Amino acid sequence: MFCVRSKNLWRAIAISFMALVISACAAYKPLDPAFHKALTEPYRLDSGDTLRVTVFGQTELTNTYTVDKAGHISFPLVGSIGARGVTPKQMEGRIANGLKRGFLRDPDVSVEIATYRPFFILGEVGTSGQYVYVPGMTVQNAIAIAGGFSPRADQSDVDITRNINGEIITGRVPISDPILPGDTIAIRERLF
């Protein structure tokens, strides 16, 4: 009788484990191709980026400007200029066009990224939070900056949430994958 109960218990545990595995597989969704395509496209500005704007021959206009929460910069003489979703090259054109409207005849404008917007990391790391992005960073670099993995961390892969052309996409990637400014990295807890 004890042997039959033990067998039934093990059978119930095995069925529960199989159900867990099957449900995990059912929840798996392949990575959206746009997720990695964003890594090779030109950089798009967003809130938190700081721009170094140079207007050649106009030292009073040359300065650093931060993209605000609404996605704009406030530029002297021109006023508010939309920056969210445009490349630095496109931003040069927007500033130059604004200056052409009654202020400068043929403005020569250069826009560079002075500081990228931060990335965020949460979950099973030493210190979750917001950190400064450095071009060329990988998930592994971000984890190191955040104090490394916690003892309970699943170190095989991570979830990254990324804003791509106004659409929020989450993908599961290995820790060797590159990250972008504004990414949110989530380190999961391992099951066993």
Protein backbone atom coordinates (compact mmCIF):
# COMPACT_ATOMS: atom_id res chain seq x y z
CA MET A 1 0.00 0.00 0.00
CA PHE A 2 2.86 2.39 0.84
CA CYS A 3 4.46 1.62 -2.50
CA VAL A 4 1.25 2.47 -4.42
CA ARG A 5 0.89 5.84 -2.63
CA SER A 6 4.52 6.64 -3.30
CA LYS A 7 4.07 5.75 -6.99
CA ASN A 8 0.98 7.96 -7.22
CA LEU A 9 2.82 10.81 -5.53
CA TRP A 10 5.72 10.57 -7.98
CA ARG A 11 3.29 10.32 -10.89
CA ALA A 12 1.48 13.47 -9.67
CA ILE A 13 4.81 15.30 -9.31
CA ALA A 14 5.88 14.22 -12.80
CA ILE A 15 2.57 15.35 -14.32
CA SER A 16 2.80 18.70 -12.52
CA PHE A 17 6.36 19.19 -13.75
CA MET A 18 5.36 18.33 -17.34
CA ALA A 19 2.45 20.79 -17.14
CA LEU A 20 4.86 23.48 -15.94
CA VAL A 21 7.28 22.77 -18.79
CA ILE A 22 4.49 22.76 -21.39
CA SER A 23 3.02 26.02 -20.09
CA ALA A 24 6.48 27.64 -20.20
CA CYS A 25 6.90 26.51 -23.80
CA ALA A 26 3.45 27.80 -24.70
CA ALA A 27 4.36 31.23 -23.30
CA TYR A 28 7.52 31.40 -25.42
CA LYS A 29 7.21 33.87 -28.27
CA PRO A 30 9.92 34.25 -30.94
CA LEU A 31 11.91 37.49 -30.88
CA ASP A 32 10.49 40.25 -33.10
CA PRO A 33 12.94 40.93 -36.01
CA ALA A 34 12.66 44.68 -35.30
CA PHE A 35 14.26 44.06 -31.91
CA HIS A 36 17.74 43.38 -33.33
CA LYS A 37 17.22 45.55 -36.42
CA ALA A 38 17.13 48.57 -34.08
CA LEU A 39 20.81 47.90 -33.29
CA THR A 40 21.89 48.67 -36.87
CA GLU A 41 19.61 51.63 -37.59
CA PRO A 42 20.68 55.25 -37.04
CA TYR A 43 20.31 56.44 -33.46
CA ARG A 44 16.99 58.12 -32.66
CA LEU A 45 16.75 60.83 -30.04
CA ASP A 46 14.43 60.65 -27.04
CA SER A 47 13.88 62.14 -23.58
CA GLY A 48 17.05 62.23 -21.49
CA ASP A 49 19.53 62.60 -24.36
CA THR A 50 21.84 65.61 -24.13
CA LEU A 51 22.89 67.16 -27.44
CA ARG A 52 25.97 69.21 -28.22
CA VAL A 53 24.75 71.74 -30.81
CA THR A 54 27.32 73.79 -32.69
CA VAL A 55 26.22 76.70 -34.87
CA PHE A 56 29.41 77.69 -36.67
CA GLY A 57 30.21 81.39 -36.31
CA GLN A 58 27.55 81.82 -33.60
CA THR A 59 29.18 81.13 -30.22
CA GLU A 60 26.12 82.35 -28.29
CA LEU A 61 23.99 79.58 -29.87
CA THR A 62 26.59 76.82 -29.46
CA ASN A 63 25.74 74.89 -26.30
CA THR A 64 24.42 71.61 -24.88
CA TYR A 65 20.67 71.02 -24.82
CA THR A 66 18.70 68.23 -23.13
CA VAL A 67 15.70 66.56 -24.72
CA ASP A 68 12.88 67.11 -22.22
CA LYS A 69 10.07 64.75 -21.14
CA ALA A 70 7.89 65.93 -24.02
CA GLY A 71 10.66 65.10 -26.53
CA HIS A 72 11.69 68.68 -27.36
CA ILE A 73 14.69 70.95 -26.90
CA SER A 74 14.37 74.65 -26.19
CA PHE A 75 16.66 76.46 -28.62
CA PRO A 76 17.45 80.21 -28.47
CA LEU A 77 15.68 82.37 -31.09
CA VAL A 78 13.78 79.35 -32.46
CA GLY A 79 11.96 78.07 -29.37
CA SER A 80 10.80 74.49 -28.89
CA ILE A 81 11.98 71.97 -31.50
CA GLY A 82 10.73 68.38 -31.63
CA ALA A 83 13.56 65.89 -31.16
CA ARG A 84 11.87 62.59 -30.23
CA GLY A 85 12.32 59.91 -32.88
CA VAL A 86 14.65 61.90 -35.17
CA THR A 87 18.32 61.25 -35.87
CA PRO A 88 21.01 63.79 -34.92
CA LYS A 89 21.41 64.56 -38.67
CA GLN A 90 17.68 65.31 -38.99
CA MET A 91 17.93 67.49 -35.88
CA GLU A 92 20.64 69.54 -37.60
CA GLY A 93 18.17 70.28 -40.40
CA ARG A 94 15.37 71.22 -37.99
CA ILE A 95 17.58 73.68 -36.12
CA ALA A 96 18.99 75.16 -39.35
CA ASN A 97 15.48 75.60 -40.81
CA GLY A 98 14.35 77.36 -37.63
CA LEU A 99 17.33 79.71 -37.74
CA LYS A 100 16.72 80.51 -41.44
CA ARG A 101 13.34 82.01 -40.58
CA GLY A 102 14.56 85.56 -40.08
CA PHE A 103 17.64 84.99 -37.91
CA LEU A 104 20.55 83.66 -40.00
CA ARG A 105 20.99 83.58 -43.78
CA ASP A 106 22.77 80.22 -44.14
CA PRO A 107 23.30 78.56 -40.74
CA ASP A 108 25.81 75.71 -40.52
CA VAL A 109 24.64 73.44 -37.69
CA SER A 110 26.20 70.31 -36.19
CA VAL A 111 24.47 68.05 -33.65
CA GLU A 112 26.27 65.36 -31.64
CA ILE A 113 25.19 63.25 -28.68
CA ALA A 114 26.88 64.64 -25.56
CA THR A 115 25.26 62.12 -23.19
CA TYR A 116 22.95 59.25 -24.03
CA ARG A 117 19.77 58.66 -22.06
CA PRO A 118 20.23 56.08 -19.27
CA PHE A 119 19.40 52.38 -19.31
CA PHE A 120 17.57 50.62 -16.48
CA ILE A 121 18.25 47.28 -14.86
CA LEU A 122 16.06 45.44 -12.37
CA GLY A 123 15.58 42.05 -10.82
CA GLU A 124 18.30 39.71 -9.60
CA VAL A 125 21.33 42.05 -9.59
CA GLY A 126 23.33 43.67 -6.81
CA THR A 127 21.77 47.14 -7.19
CA SER A 128 18.79 47.73 -9.47
CA GLY A 129 18.40 51.20 -10.91
CA GLN A 130 19.19 53.71 -13.61
CA TYR A 131 22.71 53.83 -15.06
CA VAL A 132 24.67 55.87 -17.59
CA TYR A 133 24.79 54.30 -21.05
CA VAL A 134 28.13 53.99 -22.83
CA PRO A 135 28.17 53.17 -26.58
CA GLY A 136 28.97 49.52 -27.28
CA MET A 137 27.58 48.18 -23.98
CA THR A 138 26.38 44.61 -23.70
CA VAL A 139 23.97 43.09 -21.19
CA GLN A 140 26.98 41.61 -19.40
CA ASN A 141 28.54 45.10 -19.00
CA ALA A 142 25.25 46.42 -17.63
CA ILE A 143 25.04 43.58 -15.10
CA ALA A 144 28.61 44.29 -13.97
CA ILE A 145 27.78 47.99 -13.46
CA ALA A 146 24.73 47.00 -11.38
CA GLY A 147 26.86 44.94 -8.98
CA GLY A 148 26.73 41.58 -10.75
CA PHE A 149 24.21 38.76 -10.50
CA SER A 150 22.51 38.03 -7.19
CA PRO A 151 22.88 34.44 -5.90
CA ARG A 152 19.35 33.62 -7.14
CA ALA A 153 19.79 35.01 -10.68
CA ASP A 154 19.08 33.05 -13.85
CA GLN A 155 22.35 33.74 -15.67
CA SER A 156 21.46 32.11 -18.99
CA ASP A 157 19.52 34.97 -20.61
CA VAL A 158 17.64 38.17 -19.76
CA ASP A 159 14.55 40.10 -20.86
CA ILE A 160 15.06 43.49 -22.50
CA THR A 161 12.23 45.95 -23.04
CA ARG A 162 12.96 48.41 -25.84
CA ASN A 163 11.02 51.28 -27.44
CA ILE A 164 11.20 50.84 -31.21
CA ASN A 165 9.49 53.56 -33.24
CA GLY A 166 6.99 54.17 -30.46
CA GLU A 167 6.22 50.47 -29.94
CA ILE A 168 7.33 48.77 -26.72
CA ILE A 169 8.87 45.35 -27.49
CA THR A 170 10.25 42.84 -24.99
CA GLY A 171 12.67 40.11 -26.03
CA ARG A 172 14.67 37.40 -24.30
CA VAL A 173 18.34 37.58 -25.27
CA PRO A 174 21.70 36.10 -24.15
CA ILE A 175 23.89 38.23 -21.90
CA SER A 176 26.32 38.84 -24.79
CA ASP A 177 23.72 40.93 -26.68
CA PRO A 178 24.25 44.69 -27.05
CA ILE A 179 21.92 47.14 -25.36
CA LEU A 180 20.65 50.56 -26.41
CA PRO A 181 20.03 53.76 -24.45
CA GLY A 182 16.64 53.64 -22.75
CA ASP A 183 16.54 49.82 -22.58
CA THR A 184 15.13 48.17 -19.45
CA ILE A 185 16.93 44.93 -18.57
CA ALA A 186 15.15 42.44 -16.31
CA ILE A 187 17.16 39.64 -14.65
CA ARG A 188 14.86 36.76 -13.72
CA GLU A 189 15.15 34.51 -10.68
CA ARG A 190 16.18 30.93 -11.47
CA LEU A 191 13.73 28.14 -10.71
CA PHE A 192 16.15 25.81 -8.94
